PDB file of N, CA and C in Angstrom:
ATOM      1  N   MET A   1     203.057 -37.234  60.878  1.00  0.00           N
ATOM      2  CA  MET A   1     203.530 -38.090  61.918  1.00  0.00           C
ATOM      3  C   MET A   1     202.963 -39.489  61.636  1.00  0.00           C
ATOM      4  N   LEU A   2     203.798 -40.462  61.751  1.00  0.00           N
ATOM      5  CA  LEU A   2     203.386 -41.879  61.535  1.00  0.00           C
ATOM      6  C   LEU A   2     203.843 -42.691  62.736  1.00  0.00           C
ATOM      7  N   CYS A   3     202.953 -43.451  63.284  1.00  0.00           N
ATOM      8  CA  CYS A   3     203.273 -44.282  64.454  1.00  0.00           C
ATOM      9  C   CYS A   3     203.239 -45.756  64.111  1.00  0.00           C
ATOM     10  N   SER A   4     204.171 -46.516  64.714  1.00  0.00           N
ATOM     11  CA  SER A   4     204.237 -47.934  64.473  1.00  0.00           C
ATOM     12  C   SER A   4     204.500 -48.581  65.831  1.00  0.00           C
ATOM     13  N   LEU A   5     204.268 -49.906  65.880  1.00  0.00           N
ATOM     14  CA  LEU A   5     204.512 -50.631  67.100  1.00  0.00           C
ATOM     15  C   LEU A   5     205.980 -50.498  67.502  1.00  0.00           C
ATOM     16  N   SER A   6     206.237 -50.248  68.796  1.00  0.00           N
ATOM     17  CA  SER A   6     207.611 -50.104  69.268  1.00  0.00           C
ATOM     18  C   SER A   6     208.252 -51.504  69.313  1.00  0.00           C
ATOM     19  N   THR A   7     209.408 -51.610  68.679  1.00  0.00           N
ATOM     20  CA  THR A   7     210.097 -52.918  68.614  1.00  0.00           C
ATOM     21  C   THR A   7     211.454 -52.894  69.315  1.00  0.00           C
ATOM     22  N   LYS A   8     211.885 -51.749  69.798  1.00  0.00           N
ATOM     23  CA  LYS A   8     213.209 -51.613  70.420  1.00  0.00           C
ATOM     24  C   LYS A   8     213.080 -51.067  71.843  1.00  0.00           C
ATOM     25  N   LEU A   9     212.271 -51.722  72.647  1.00  0.00           N
ATOM     26  CA  LEU A   9     212.107 -51.310  74.024  1.00  0.00           C
ATOM     27  C   LEU A   9     213.201 -51.909  74.881  1.00  0.00           C
ATOM     28  N   THR A  10     213.657 -51.139  75.851  1.00  0.00           N
ATOM     29  CA  THR A  10     214.642 -51.635  76.794  1.00  0.00           C
ATOM     30  C   THR A  10     213.985 -52.570  77.793  1.00  0.00           C
ATOM     31  N   GLN A  11     214.774 -53.336  78.498  1.00  0.00           N
ATOM     32  CA  GLN A  11     214.248 -54.251  79.524  1.00  0.00           C
ATOM     33  C   GLN A  11     213.504 -53.455  80.576  1.00  0.00           C
ATOM     34  N   LYS A  12     214.023 -52.274  80.951  1.00  0.00           N
ATOM     35  CA  LYS A  12     213.387 -51.441  81.948  1.00  0.00           C
ATOM     36  C   LYS A  12     212.032 -50.952  81.452  1.00  0.00           C
ATOM     37  N   GLU A  13     211.928 -50.580  80.181  1.00  0.00           N
ATOM     38  CA  GLU A  13     210.659 -50.140  79.633  1.00  0.00           C
ATOM     39  C   GLU A  13     209.639 -51.286  79.571  1.00  0.00           C
ATOM     40  N   LEU A  14     210.106 -52.464  79.170  1.00  0.00           N
ATOM     41  CA  LEU A  14     209.214 -53.635  79.126  1.00  0.00           C
ATOM     42  C   LEU A  14     208.664 -53.992  80.511  1.00  0.00           C
ATOM     43  N   ILE A  15     209.508 -53.919  81.500  1.00  0.00           N
ATOM     44  CA  ILE A  15     209.064 -54.220  82.876  1.00  0.00           C
ATOM     45  C   ILE A  15     208.030 -53.183  83.311  1.00  0.00           C
ATOM     46  N   ALA A  16     208.271 -51.927  83.017  1.00  0.00           N
ATOM     47  CA  ALA A  16     207.311 -50.876  83.393  1.00  0.00           C
ATOM     48  C   ALA A  16     205.954 -51.109  82.740  1.00  0.00           C
ATOM     49  N   ILE A  17     205.982 -51.478  81.452  1.00  0.00           N
ATOM     50  CA  ILE A  17     204.726 -51.738  80.729  1.00  0.00           C
ATOM     51  C   ILE A  17     204.047 -52.954  81.258  1.00  0.00           C
ATOM     52  N   LYS A  18     204.771 -54.037  81.548  1.00  0.00           N
ATOM     53  CA  LYS A  18     204.165 -55.263  82.094  1.00  0.00           C
ATOM     54  C   LYS A  18     203.588 -54.992  83.480  1.00  0.00           C
ATOM     55  N   ASP A  19     204.272 -54.206  84.278  1.00  0.00           N
ATOM     56  CA  ASP A  19     203.752 -53.854  85.604  1.00  0.00           C
ATOM     57  C   ASP A  19     202.436 -53.093  85.496  1.00  0.00           C
ATOM     58  N   LEU A  20     202.388 -52.148  84.548  1.00  0.00           N
ATOM     59  CA  LEU A  20     201.173 -51.365  84.345  1.00  0.00           C
ATOM     60  C   LEU A  20     200.030 -52.256  83.818  1.00  0.00           C
ATOM     61  N   GLU A  21     200.364 -53.194  82.924  1.00  0.00           N
ATOM     62  CA  GLU A  21     199.358 -54.128  82.430  1.00  0.00           C
ATOM     63  C   GLU A  21     198.739 -54.917  83.587  1.00  0.00           C
ATOM     64  N   ARG A  22     199.582 -55.419  84.472  1.00  0.00           N
ATOM     65  CA  ARG A  22     199.080 -56.168  85.636  1.00  0.00           C
ATOM     66  C   ARG A  22     198.221 -55.283  86.527  1.00  0.00           C
ATOM     67  N   GLU A  23     198.654 -54.065  86.757  1.00  0.00           N
ATOM     68  CA  GLU A  23     197.887 -53.124  87.604  1.00  0.00           C
ATOM     69  C   GLU A  23     196.530 -52.812  86.984  1.00  0.00           C
ATOM     70  N   LEU A  24     196.503 -52.557  85.682  1.00  0.00           N
ATOM     71  CA  LEU A  24     195.260 -52.181  85.016  1.00  0.00           C
ATOM     72  C   LEU A  24     194.394 -53.380  84.635  1.00  0.00           C
ATOM     73  N   GLY A  25     194.997 -54.551  84.524  1.00  0.00           N
ATOM     74  CA  GLY A  25     194.262 -55.710  84.072  1.00  0.00           C
ATOM     75  C   GLY A  25     193.935 -55.623  82.594  1.00  0.00           C
ATOM     76  N   LYS A  26     194.784 -54.921  81.861  1.00  0.00           N
ATOM     77  CA  LYS A  26     194.576 -54.691  80.413  1.00  0.00           C
ATOM     78  C   LYS A  26     195.860 -55.002  79.657  1.00  0.00           C
ATOM     79  N   THR A  27     195.720 -55.375  78.395  1.00  0.00           N
ATOM     80  CA  THR A  27     196.865 -55.552  77.511  1.00  0.00           C
ATOM     81  C   THR A  27     197.171 -54.192  76.893  1.00  0.00           C
ATOM     82  N   LEU A  28     198.424 -53.798  76.883  1.00  0.00           N
ATOM     83  CA  LEU A  28     198.848 -52.522  76.321  1.00  0.00           C
ATOM     84  C   LEU A  28     199.714 -52.759  75.101  1.00  0.00           C
ATOM     85  N   LEU A  29     199.582 -51.901  74.119  1.00  0.00           N
ATOM     86  CA  LEU A  29     200.459 -51.877  72.944  1.00  0.00           C
ATOM     87  C   LEU A  29     201.277 -50.592  73.003  1.00  0.00           C
ATOM     88  N   ALA A  30     202.576 -50.704  72.718  1.00  0.00           N
ATOM     89  CA  ALA A  30     203.466 -49.541  72.734  1.00  0.00           C
ATOM     90  C   ALA A  30     203.739 -49.091  71.286  1.00  0.00           C
ATOM     91  N   PHE A  31     203.594 -47.803  71.033  1.00  0.00           N
ATOM     92  CA  PHE A  31     203.829 -47.236  69.727  1.00  0.00           C
ATOM     93  C   PHE A  31     204.936 -46.179  69.796  1.00  0.00           C
ATOM     94  N   THR A  32     205.698 -46.071  68.736  1.00  0.00           N
ATOM     95  CA  THR A  32     206.715 -45.028  68.572  1.00  0.00           C
ATOM     96  C   THR A  32     206.277 -44.224  67.365  1.00  0.00           C
ATOM     97  N   CYS A  33     206.344 -42.886  67.475  1.00  0.00           N
ATOM     98  CA  CYS A  33     205.956 -42.018  66.348  1.00  0.00           C
ATOM     99  C   CYS A  33     207.186 -41.420  65.670  1.00  0.00           C
ATOM    100  N   HIS A  34     207.067 -41.235  64.363  1.00  0.00           N
ATOM    101  CA  HIS A  34     208.155 -40.751  63.523  1.00  0.00           C
ATOM    102  C   HIS A  34     207.648 -39.583  62.689  1.00  0.00           C
ATOM    103  N   LYS A  35     208.465 -38.545  62.559  1.00  0.00           N
ATOM    104  CA  LYS A  35     208.108 -37.409  61.690  1.00  0.00           C
ATOM    105  C   LYS A  35     208.484 -37.804  60.256  1.00  0.00           C
ATOM    106  N   VAL A  36     207.493 -37.905  59.417  1.00  0.00           N
ATOM    107  CA  VAL A  36     207.681 -38.223  58.012  1.00  0.00           C
ATOM    108  C   VAL A  36     206.758 -37.374  57.152  1.00  0.00           C
ATOM    109  N   ASP A  37     207.175 -37.152  55.939  1.00  0.00           N
ATOM    110  CA  ASP A  37     206.334 -36.436  54.999  1.00  0.00           C
ATOM    111  C   ASP A  37     205.773 -37.411  53.986  1.00  0.00           C
ATOM    112  N   PRO A  38     204.464 -37.380  53.750  1.00  0.00           N
ATOM    113  CA  PRO A  38     203.916 -38.289  52.769  1.00  0.00           C
ATOM    114  C   PRO A  38     204.417 -38.011  51.357  1.00  0.00           C
ATOM    115  N   ALA A  39     204.538 -39.048  50.572  1.00  0.00           N
ATOM    116  CA  ALA A  39     204.960 -38.915  49.175  1.00  0.00           C
ATOM    117  C   ALA A  39     203.705 -38.828  48.300  1.00  0.00           C
ATOM    118  N   GLU A  40     203.786 -38.044  47.291  1.00  0.00           N
ATOM    119  CA  GLU A  40     202.682 -38.019  46.314  1.00  0.00           C
ATOM    120  C   GLU A  40     202.889 -39.154  45.346  1.00  0.00           C
ATOM    121  N   ILE A  41     201.799 -39.896  45.088  1.00  0.00           N
ATOM    122  CA  ILE A  41     201.862 -40.987  44.128  1.00  0.00           C
ATOM    123  C   ILE A  41     200.706 -40.866  43.146  1.00  0.00           C
ATOM    124  N   ASN A  42     200.881 -41.369  41.964  1.00  0.00           N
ATOM    125  CA  ASN A  42     199.853 -41.282  40.937  1.00  0.00           C
ATOM    126  C   ASN A  42     198.919 -42.485  41.042  1.00  0.00           C
ATOM    127  N   ASP A  43     197.882 -42.505  40.223  1.00  0.00           N
ATOM    128  CA  ASP A  43     196.872 -43.559  40.317  1.00  0.00           C
ATOM    129  C   ASP A  43     197.454 -44.945  40.041  1.00  0.00           C
ATOM    130  N   GLU A  44     198.386 -45.029  39.119  1.00  0.00           N
ATOM    131  CA  GLU A  44     199.024 -46.298  38.784  1.00  0.00           C
ATOM    132  C   GLU A  44     199.860 -46.826  39.970  1.00  0.00           C
ATOM    133  N   GLN A  45     200.594 -45.909  40.578  1.00  0.00           N
ATOM    134  CA  GLN A  45     201.375 -46.291  41.734  1.00  0.00           C
ATOM    135  C   GLN A  45     200.487 -46.688  42.903  1.00  0.00           C
ATOM    136  N   LEU A  46     199.384 -45.965  43.095  1.00  0.00           N
ATOM    137  CA  LEU A  46     198.437 -46.305  44.159  1.00  0.00           C
ATOM    138  C   LEU A  46     197.843 -47.702  43.932  1.00  0.00           C
ATOM    139  N   ALA A  47     197.485 -48.027  42.725  1.00  0.00           N
ATOM    140  CA  ALA A  47     196.939 -49.323  42.414  1.00  0.00           C
ATOM    141  C   ALA A  47     197.942 -50.430  42.748  1.00  0.00           C
ATOM    142  N   LYS A  48     199.194 -50.229  42.397  1.00  0.00           N
ATOM    143  CA  LYS A  48     200.254 -51.222  42.714  1.00  0.00           C
ATOM    144  C   LYS A  48     200.430 -51.369  44.224  1.00  0.00           C
ATOM    145  N   LEU A  49     200.424 -50.234  44.936  1.00  0.00           N
ATOM    146  CA  LEU A  49     200.544 -50.263  46.364  1.00  0.00           C
ATOM    147  C   LEU A  49     199.392 -51.028  46.997  1.00  0.00           C
ATOM    148  N   GLN A  50     198.171 -50.753  46.559  1.00  0.00           N
ATOM    149  CA  GLN A  50     196.999 -51.422  47.114  1.00  0.00           C
ATOM    150  C   GLN A  50     196.996 -52.916  46.781  1.00  0.00           C
ATOM    151  N   LYS A  51     197.505 -53.278  45.607  1.00  0.00           N
ATOM    152  CA  LYS A  51     197.590 -54.694  45.245  1.00  0.00           C
ATOM    153  C   LYS A  51     198.490 -55.444  46.242  1.00  0.00           C
ATOM    154  N   VAL A  52     199.670 -54.858  46.518  1.00  0.00           N
ATOM    155  CA  VAL A  52     200.575 -55.503  47.488  1.00  0.00           C
ATOM    156  C   VAL A  52     199.984 -55.526  48.865  1.00  0.00           C
ATOM    157  N   GLU A  53     199.310 -54.461  49.275  1.00  0.00           N
ATOM    158  CA  GLU A  53     198.644 -54.433  50.593  1.00  0.00           C
ATOM    159  C   GLU A  53     197.671 -55.590  50.700  1.00  0.00           C
ATOM    160  N   ASN A  54     196.852 -55.793  49.653  1.00  0.00           N
ATOM    161  CA  ASN A  54     195.838 -56.858  49.695  1.00  0.00           C
ATOM    162  C   ASN A  54     196.489 -58.224  49.705  1.00  0.00           C
ATOM    163  N   GLU A  55     197.555 -58.386  48.957  1.00  0.00           N
ATOM    164  CA  GLU A  55     198.246 -59.681  48.888  1.00  0.00           C
ATOM    165  C   GLU A  55     198.903 -60.045  50.229  1.00  0.00           C
ATOM    166  N   LEU A  56     199.451 -59.033  50.901  1.00  0.00           N
ATOM    167  CA  LEU A  56     200.193 -59.268  52.126  1.00  0.00           C
ATOM    168  C   LEU A  56     199.377 -59.104  53.391  1.00  0.00           C
ATOM    169  N   GLY A  57     198.202 -58.438  53.276  1.00  0.00           N
ATOM    170  CA  GLY A  57     197.353 -58.195  54.446  1.00  0.00           C
ATOM    171  C   GLY A  57     197.948 -57.161  55.384  1.00  0.00           C
ATOM    172  N   ILE A  58     198.631 -56.154  54.799  1.00  0.00           N
ATOM    173  CA  ILE A  58     199.266 -55.087  55.599  1.00  0.00           C
ATOM    174  C   ILE A  58     198.884 -53.747  55.019  1.00  0.00           C
ATOM    175  N   SER A  59     199.229 -52.676  55.746  1.00  0.00           N
ATOM    176  CA  SER A  59     199.051 -51.321  55.217  1.00  0.00           C
ATOM    177  C   SER A  59     200.405 -50.752  54.882  1.00  0.00           C
ATOM    178  N   LEU A  60     200.508 -50.092  53.736  1.00  0.00           N
ATOM    179  CA  LEU A  60     201.754 -49.435  53.313  1.00  0.00           C
ATOM    180  C   LEU A  60     201.494 -47.944  53.183  1.00  0.00           C
ATOM    181  N   VAL A  61     202.497 -47.164  53.477  1.00  0.00           N
ATOM    182  CA  VAL A  61     202.440 -45.710  53.403  1.00  0.00           C
ATOM    183  C   VAL A  61     203.683 -45.241  52.602  1.00  0.00           C
ATOM    184  N   ALA A  62     203.413 -44.488  51.530  1.00  0.00           N
ATOM    185  CA  ALA A  62     204.511 -43.898  50.752  1.00  0.00           C
ATOM    186  C   ALA A  62     204.963 -42.601  51.431  1.00  0.00           C
ATOM    187  N   VAL A  63     206.278 -42.485  51.714  1.00  0.00           N
ATOM    188  CA  VAL A  63     206.797 -41.308  52.360  1.00  0.00           C
ATOM    189  C   VAL A  63     207.991 -40.740  51.590  1.00  0.00           C
ATOM    190  N   GLN A  64     208.271 -39.476  51.849  1.00  0.00           N
ATOM    191  CA  GLN A  64     209.480 -38.827  51.248  1.00  0.00           C
ATOM    192  C   GLN A  64     210.706 -39.379  51.915  1.00  0.00           C
ATOM    193  N   ARG A  65     211.809 -39.445  51.172  1.00  0.00           N
ATOM    194  CA  ARG A  65     213.075 -39.873  51.808  1.00  0.00           C
ATOM    195  C   ARG A  65     213.780 -38.684  52.379  1.00  0.00           C
TER     196      ARG A  65
END
């Protein structure tokens, strides 16, 4: 299972989250989880992946299609 920030929230969902933020006095982040299978990669592929991660300042995950 892999979770990422939710980017397709409805207006109703956004309002509910904002209302809860106001009530709690806290900032909330919404995540959506996806069922994915990790891909096996070799050392050379891992090095390339890590190089791009470092260049872009992000995390990458290799998954099965």
